[in-house]
PDB file of N, CA and C in Angstrom:
ATOM      1  N   MET A   1     -22.103 -10.817  -8.544  1.00  0.00           N
ATOM      2  CA  MET A   1     -21.369  -9.659  -9.004  1.00  0.00           C
ATOM      3  C   MET A   1     -21.244  -8.605  -7.896  1.00  0.00           C
ATOM      4  N   ARG A   2     -22.270  -8.496  -7.072  1.00  0.00           N
ATOM      5  CA  ARG A   2     -22.251  -7.530  -5.985  1.00  0.00           C
ATOM      6  C   ARG A   2     -21.117  -7.838  -5.001  1.00  0.00           C
ATOM      7  N   HIS A   3     -20.907  -9.137  -4.738  1.00  0.00           N
ATOM      8  CA  HIS A   3     -19.846  -9.538  -3.804  1.00  0.00           C
ATOM      9  C   HIS A   3     -18.466  -9.232  -4.383  1.00  0.00           C
ATOM     10  N   LEU A   4     -18.320  -9.435  -5.674  1.00  0.00           N
ATOM     11  CA  LEU A   4     -17.046  -9.146  -6.317  1.00  0.00           C
ATOM     12  C   LEU A   4     -16.739  -7.641  -6.265  1.00  0.00           C
ATOM     13  N   LYS A   5     -17.751  -6.829  -6.489  1.00  0.00           N
ATOM     14  CA  LYS A   5     -17.578  -5.379  -6.421  1.00  0.00           C
ATOM     15  C   LYS A   5     -17.231  -4.942  -4.995  1.00  0.00           C
ATOM     16  N   ALA A   6     -17.894  -5.522  -4.007  1.00  0.00           N
ATOM     17  CA  ALA A   6     -17.598  -5.196  -2.607  1.00  0.00           C
ATOM     18  C   ALA A   6     -16.180  -5.631  -2.234  1.00  0.00           C
ATOM     19  N   PHE A   7     -15.763  -6.774  -2.738  1.00  0.00           N
ATOM     20  CA  PHE A   7     -14.410  -7.266  -2.478  1.00  0.00           C
ATOM     21  C   PHE A   7     -13.375  -6.309  -3.064  1.00  0.00           C
ATOM     22  N   GLY A   8     -13.593  -5.876  -4.299  1.00  0.00           N
ATOM     23  CA  GLY A   8     -12.691  -4.922  -4.932  1.00  0.00           C
ATOM     24  C   GLY A   8     -12.667  -3.586  -4.212  1.00  0.00           C
ATOM     25  N   ALA A   9     -13.834  -3.129  -3.775  1.00  0.00           N
ATOM     26  CA  ALA A   9     -13.912  -1.855  -3.050  1.00  0.00           C
ATOM     27  C   ALA A   9     -13.167  -1.937  -1.722  1.00  0.00           C
ATOM     28  N   PHE A  10     -13.273  -3.071  -1.053  1.00  0.00           N
ATOM     29  CA  PHE A  10     -12.547  -3.262   0.204  1.00  0.00           C
ATOM     30  C   PHE A  10     -11.042  -3.144  -0.030  1.00  0.00           C
ATOM     31  N   TRP A  11     -10.528  -3.859  -1.023  1.00  0.00           N
ATOM     32  CA  TRP A  11      -9.087  -3.848  -1.260  1.00  0.00           C
ATOM     33  C   TRP A  11      -8.608  -2.483  -1.743  1.00  0.00           C
ATOM     34  N   TRP A  12      -9.405  -1.803  -2.537  1.00  0.00           N
ATOM     35  CA  TRP A  12      -9.038  -0.452  -2.967  1.00  0.00           C
ATOM     36  C   TRP A  12      -8.917   0.463  -1.744  1.00  0.00           C
ATOM     37  N   ASP A  13      -9.904   0.404  -0.856  1.00  0.00           N
ATOM     38  CA  ASP A  13      -9.875   1.243   0.341  1.00  0.00           C
ATOM     39  C   ASP A  13      -8.739   0.839   1.270  1.00  0.00           C
ATOM     40  N   PHE A  14      -8.452  -0.449   1.358  1.00  0.00           N
ATOM     41  CA  PHE A  14      -7.390  -0.939   2.230  1.00  0.00           C
ATOM     42  C   PHE A  14      -6.015  -0.523   1.724  1.00  0.00           C
ATOM     43  N   VAL A  15      -5.766  -0.647   0.430  1.00  0.00           N
ATOM     44  CA  VAL A  15      -4.448  -0.349  -0.131  1.00  0.00           C
ATOM     45  C   VAL A  15      -4.275   1.152  -0.356  1.00  0.00           C
ATOM     46  N   VAL A  16      -5.243   1.785  -0.985  1.00  0.00           N
ATOM     47  CA  VAL A  16      -5.105   3.198  -1.321  1.00  0.00           C
ATOM     48  C   VAL A  16      -5.466   4.072  -0.133  1.00  0.00           C
ATOM     49  N   GLY A  17      -6.556   3.767   0.525  1.00  0.00           N
ATOM     50  CA  GLY A  17      -6.956   4.530   1.699  1.00  0.00           C
ATOM     51  C   GLY A  17      -7.323   5.951   1.355  1.00  0.00           C
ATOM     52  N   ASP A  18      -6.833   6.891   2.142  1.00  0.00           N
ATOM     53  CA  ASP A  18      -7.179   8.298   1.964  1.00  0.00           C
ATOM     54  C   ASP A  18      -6.224   9.042   1.040  1.00  0.00           C
ATOM     55  N   ASP A  19      -5.045   8.505   0.826  1.00  0.00           N
ATOM     56  CA  ASP A  19      -4.042   9.239   0.062  1.00  0.00           C
ATOM     57  C   ASP A  19      -3.473   8.356  -1.047  1.00  0.00           C
ATOM     58  N   TRP A  20      -3.955   8.537  -2.247  1.00  0.00           N
ATOM     59  CA  TRP A  20      -3.517   7.713  -3.367  1.00  0.00           C
ATOM     60  C   TRP A  20      -2.057   7.977  -3.713  1.00  0.00           C
ATOM     61  N   LEU A  21      -1.574   9.182  -3.435  1.00  0.00           N
ATOM     62  CA  LEU A  21      -0.195   9.519  -3.752  1.00  0.00           C
ATOM     63  C   LEU A  21       0.782   8.667  -2.929  1.00  0.00           C
ATOM     64  N   VAL A  22       0.489   8.462  -1.684  1.00  0.00           N
ATOM     65  CA  VAL A  22       1.341   7.627  -0.832  1.00  0.00           C
ATOM     66  C   VAL A  22       1.304   6.179  -1.312  1.00  0.00           C
ATOM     67  N   ALA A  23       0.131   5.695  -1.699  1.00  0.00           N
ATOM     68  CA  ALA A  23       0.029   4.329  -2.210  1.00  0.00           C
ATOM     69  C   ALA A  23       0.866   4.148  -3.471  1.00  0.00           C
ATOM     70  N   VAL A  24       0.821   5.111  -4.363  1.00  0.00           N
ATOM     71  CA  VAL A  24       1.626   5.039  -5.596  1.00  0.00           C
ATOM     72  C   VAL A  24       3.110   5.088  -5.262  1.00  0.00           C
ATOM     73  N   ALA A  25       3.488   5.935  -4.319  1.00  0.00           N
ATOM     74  CA  ALA A  25       4.897   6.046  -3.930  1.00  0.00           C
ATOM     75  C   ALA A  25       5.409   4.748  -3.307  1.00  0.00           C
ATOM     76  N   VAL A  26       4.590   4.087  -2.517  1.00  0.00           N
ATOM     77  CA  VAL A  26       5.008   2.819  -1.909  1.00  0.00           C
ATOM     78  C   VAL A  26       5.166   1.741  -2.983  1.00  0.00           C
ATOM     79  N   VAL A  27       4.250   1.678  -3.926  1.00  0.00           N
ATOM     80  CA  VAL A  27       4.378   0.705  -5.014  1.00  0.00           C
ATOM     81  C   VAL A  27       5.629   1.002  -5.836  1.00  0.00           C
ATOM     82  N   ALA A  28       5.883   2.278  -6.123  1.00  0.00           N
ATOM     83  CA  ALA A  28       7.100   2.643  -6.846  1.00  0.00           C
ATOM     84  C   ALA A  28       8.347   2.291  -6.021  1.00  0.00           C
ATOM     85  N   GLY A  29       8.270   2.489  -4.713  1.00  0.00           N
ATOM     86  CA  GLY A  29       9.386   2.126  -3.849  1.00  0.00           C
ATOM     87  C   GLY A  29       9.667   0.642  -3.849  1.00  0.00           C
ATOM     88  N   LEU A  30       8.611  -0.155  -3.872  1.00  0.00           N
ATOM     89  CA  LEU A  30       8.796  -1.610  -3.967  1.00  0.00           C
ATOM     90  C   LEU A  30       9.461  -1.984  -5.286  1.00  0.00           C
ATOM     91  N   ALA A  31       9.040  -1.342  -6.368  1.00  0.00           N
ATOM     92  CA  ALA A  31       9.635  -1.624  -7.675  1.00  0.00           C
ATOM     93  C   ALA A  31      11.107  -1.205  -7.714  1.00  0.00           C
ATOM     94  N   ILE A  32      11.417  -0.046  -7.148  1.00  0.00           N
ATOM     95  CA  ILE A  32      12.810   0.421  -7.120  1.00  0.00           C
ATOM     96  C   ILE A  32      13.671  -0.498  -6.265  1.00  0.00           C
ATOM     97  N   THR A  33      13.138  -0.922  -5.123  1.00  0.00           N
ATOM     98  CA  THR A  33      13.872  -1.853  -4.262  1.00  0.00           C
ATOM     99  C   THR A  33      14.154  -3.151  -5.001  1.00  0.00           C
ATOM    100  N   ALA A  34      13.148  -3.677  -5.696  1.00  0.00           N
ATOM    101  CA  ALA A  34      13.339  -4.916  -6.464  1.00  0.00           C
ATOM    102  C   ALA A  34      14.383  -4.728  -7.555  1.00  0.00           C
ATOM    103  N   ALA A  35      14.360  -3.576  -8.228  1.00  0.00           N
ATOM    104  CA  ALA A  35      15.345  -3.317  -9.281  1.00  0.00           C
ATOM    105  C   ALA A  35      16.756  -3.217  -8.707  1.00  0.00           C
ATOM    106  N   LEU A  36      16.887  -2.554  -7.567  1.00  0.00           N
ATOM    107  CA  LEU A  36      18.209  -2.442  -6.933  1.00  0.00           C
ATOM    108  C   LEU A  36      18.737  -3.807  -6.510  1.00  0.00           C
ATOM    109  N   VAL A  37      17.882  -4.630  -5.952  1.00  0.00           N
ATOM    110  CA  VAL A  37      18.298  -5.976  -5.547  1.00  0.00           C
ATOM    111  C   VAL A  37      18.681  -6.799  -6.770  1.00  0.00           C
ATOM    112  N   HIS A  38      17.945  -6.612  -7.851  1.00  0.00           N
ATOM    113  CA  HIS A  38      18.213  -7.356  -9.083  1.00  0.00           C
ATOM    114  C   HIS A  38      19.606  -7.050  -9.642  1.00  0.00           C
ATOM    115  N   VAL A  39      20.064  -5.815  -9.488  1.00  0.00           N
ATOM    116  CA  VAL A  39      21.396  -5.462  -9.986  1.00  0.00           C
ATOM    117  C   VAL A  39      22.488  -5.696  -8.946  1.00  0.00           C
ATOM    118  N   GLY A  40      22.128  -6.222  -7.792  1.00  0.00           N
ATOM    119  CA  GLY A  40      23.124  -6.628  -6.810  1.00  0.00           C
ATOM    120  C   GLY A  40      23.335  -5.684  -5.645  1.00  0.00           C
ATOM    121  N   VAL A  41      22.506  -4.661  -5.519  1.00  0.00           N
ATOM    122  CA  VAL A  41      22.634  -3.729  -4.400  1.00  0.00           C
ATOM    123  C   VAL A  41      21.875  -4.288  -3.200  1.00  0.00           C
ATOM    124  N   ASN A  42      22.483  -4.201  -2.022  1.00  0.00           N
ATOM    125  CA  ASN A  42      21.815  -4.606  -0.797  1.00  0.00           C
ATOM    126  C   ASN A  42      20.873  -3.469  -0.402  1.00  0.00           C
ATOM    127  N   ALA A  43      19.613  -3.531  -0.850  1.00  0.00           N
ATOM    128  CA  ALA A  43      18.698  -2.387  -0.768  1.00  0.00           C
ATOM    129  C   ALA A  43      17.597  -2.551   0.276  1.00  0.00           C
ATOM    130  N   TRP A  44      17.853  -3.281   1.333  1.00  0.00           N
ATOM    131  CA  TRP A  44      16.828  -3.474   2.359  1.00  0.00           C
ATOM    132  C   TRP A  44      16.442  -2.143   3.005  1.00  0.00           C
ATOM    133  N   TRP A  45      17.340  -1.181   2.990  1.00  0.00           N
ATOM    134  CA  TRP A  45      17.167   0.100   3.671  1.00  0.00           C
ATOM    135  C   TRP A  45      16.294   1.076   2.890  1.00  0.00           C
ATOM    136  N   PHE A  46      16.114   0.859   1.584  1.00  0.00           N
ATOM    137  CA  PHE A  46      15.450   1.862   0.756  1.00  0.00           C
ATOM    138  C   PHE A  46      13.986   2.077   1.134  1.00  0.00           C
ATOM    139  N   LEU A  47      13.247   1.009   1.308  1.00  0.00           N
ATOM    140  CA  LEU A  47      11.810   1.145   1.589  1.00  0.00           C
ATOM    141  C   LEU A  47      11.532   1.786   2.945  1.00  0.00           C
ATOM    142  N   PRO A  48      12.231   1.415   4.029  1.00  0.00           N
ATOM    143  CA  PRO A  48      11.990   2.134   5.295  1.00  0.00           C
ATOM    144  C   PRO A  48      12.314   3.623   5.220  1.00  0.00           C
ATOM    145  N   VAL A  49      13.375   3.983   4.492  1.00  0.00           N
ATOM    146  CA  VAL A  49      13.710   5.400   4.339  1.00  0.00           C
ATOM    147  C   VAL A  49      12.614   6.110   3.548  1.00  0.00           C
ATOM    148  N   LEU A  50      12.125   5.471   2.508  1.00  0.00           N
ATOM    149  CA  LEU A  50      11.042   6.053   1.716  1.00  0.00           C
ATOM    150  C   LEU A  50       9.800   6.279   2.571  1.00  0.00           C
ATOM    151  N   VAL A  51       9.429   5.290   3.351  1.00  0.00           N
ATOM    152  CA  VAL A  51       8.234   5.414   4.192  1.00  0.00           C
ATOM    153  C   VAL A  51       8.420   6.517   5.233  1.00  0.00           C
ATOM    154  N   LEU A  52       9.602   6.602   5.828  1.00  0.00           N
ATOM    155  CA  LEU A  52       9.854   7.687   6.785  1.00  0.00           C
ATOM    156  C   LEU A  52       9.766   9.053   6.115  1.00  0.00           C
ATOM    157  N   GLY A  53      10.144   9.131   4.867  1.00  0.00           N
ATOM    158  CA  GLY A  53      10.012  10.379   4.139  1.00  0.00           C
ATOM    159  C   GLY A  53       8.574  10.680   3.740  1.00  0.00           C
ATOM    160  N   LEU A  54       7.777   9.634   3.548  1.00  0.00           N
ATOM    161  CA  LEU A  54       6.384   9.825   3.136  1.00  0.00           C
ATOM    162  C   LEU A  54       5.467  10.204   4.291  1.00  0.00           C
ATOM    163  N   VAL A  55       5.834   9.889   5.507  1.00  0.00           N
ATOM    164  CA  VAL A  55       4.969  10.197   6.648  1.00  0.00           C
ATOM    165  C   VAL A  55       4.716  11.704   6.768  1.00  0.00           C
ATOM    166  N   PRO A  56       5.751  12.549   6.747  1.00  0.00           N
ATOM    167  CA  PRO A  56       5.457  13.992   6.825  1.00  0.00           C
ATOM    168  C   PRO A  56       4.666  14.506   5.617  1.00  0.00           C
ATOM    169  N   VAL A  57       4.936  13.940   4.442  1.00  0.00           N
ATOM    170  CA  VAL A  57       4.193  14.352   3.242  1.00  0.00           C
ATOM    171  C   VAL A  57       2.711  14.028   3.416  1.00  0.00           C
ATOM    172  N   SER A  58       2.433  12.834   3.905  1.00  0.00           N
ATOM    173  CA  SER A  58       1.049  12.419   4.107  1.00  0.00           C
ATOM    174  C   SER A  58       0.358  13.282   5.160  1.00  0.00           C
ATOM    175  N   ILE A  59       1.057  13.562   6.229  1.00  0.00           N
ATOM    176  CA  ILE A  59       0.462  14.399   7.302  1.00  0.00           C
ATOM    177  C   ILE A  59       0.206  15.815   6.783  1.00  0.00           C
ATOM    178  N   ARG A  60       1.148  16.367   6.025  1.00  0.00           N
ATOM    179  CA  ARG A  60       0.974  17.710   5.476  1.00  0.00           C
ATOM    180  C   ARG A  60      -0.227  17.752   4.526  1.00  0.00           C
ATOM    181  N   ARG A  61      -0.377  16.721   3.690  1.00  0.00           N
ATOM    182  CA  ARG A  61      -1.533  16.683   2.778  1.00  0.00           C
ATOM    183  C   ARG A  61      -2.840  16.546   3.553  1.00  0.00           C
ATOM    184  N   LEU A  62      -2.817  15.799   4.647  1.00  0.00           N
ATOM    185  CA  LEU A  62      -4.017  15.622   5.457  1.00  0.00           C
ATOM    186  C   LEU A  62      -4.416  16.928   6.158  1.00  0.00           C
ATOM    187  N   VAL A  63      -3.422  17.645   6.681  1.00  0.00           N
ATOM    188  CA  VAL A  63      -3.707  18.891   7.396  1.00  0.00           C
ATOM    189  C   VAL A  63      -4.241  19.958   6.445  1.00  0.00           C
ATOM    190  N   ARG A  64      -3.742  19.980   5.221  1.00  0.00           N
ATOM    191  CA  ARG A  64      -4.205  20.973   4.250  1.00  0.00           C
ATOM    192  C   ARG A  64      -5.647  20.776   3.844  1.00  0.00           C
ATOM    193  N   ARG A  65      -6.169  19.553   3.969  1.00  0.00           N
ATOM    194  CA  ARG A  65      -7.563  19.288   3.624  1.00  0.00           C
ATOM    195  C   ARG A  65      -8.430  19.887   4.637  1.00  0.00           C
TER     196      ARG A  65
END
């Protein structure tokens, strides 16, 4: 059980890291991209634009801490 808990803690730290808001936004961005592709939109550009927009948000949140 200890190994399973350590494995989960590793993945939580790897995916979420220091800013849970950015992790949630990236997951939402993946879902939105998938939905756009599903309806026929060529949405390869959406996720890179989202990430470029999230970088300043993440830096601003880090500096405020």
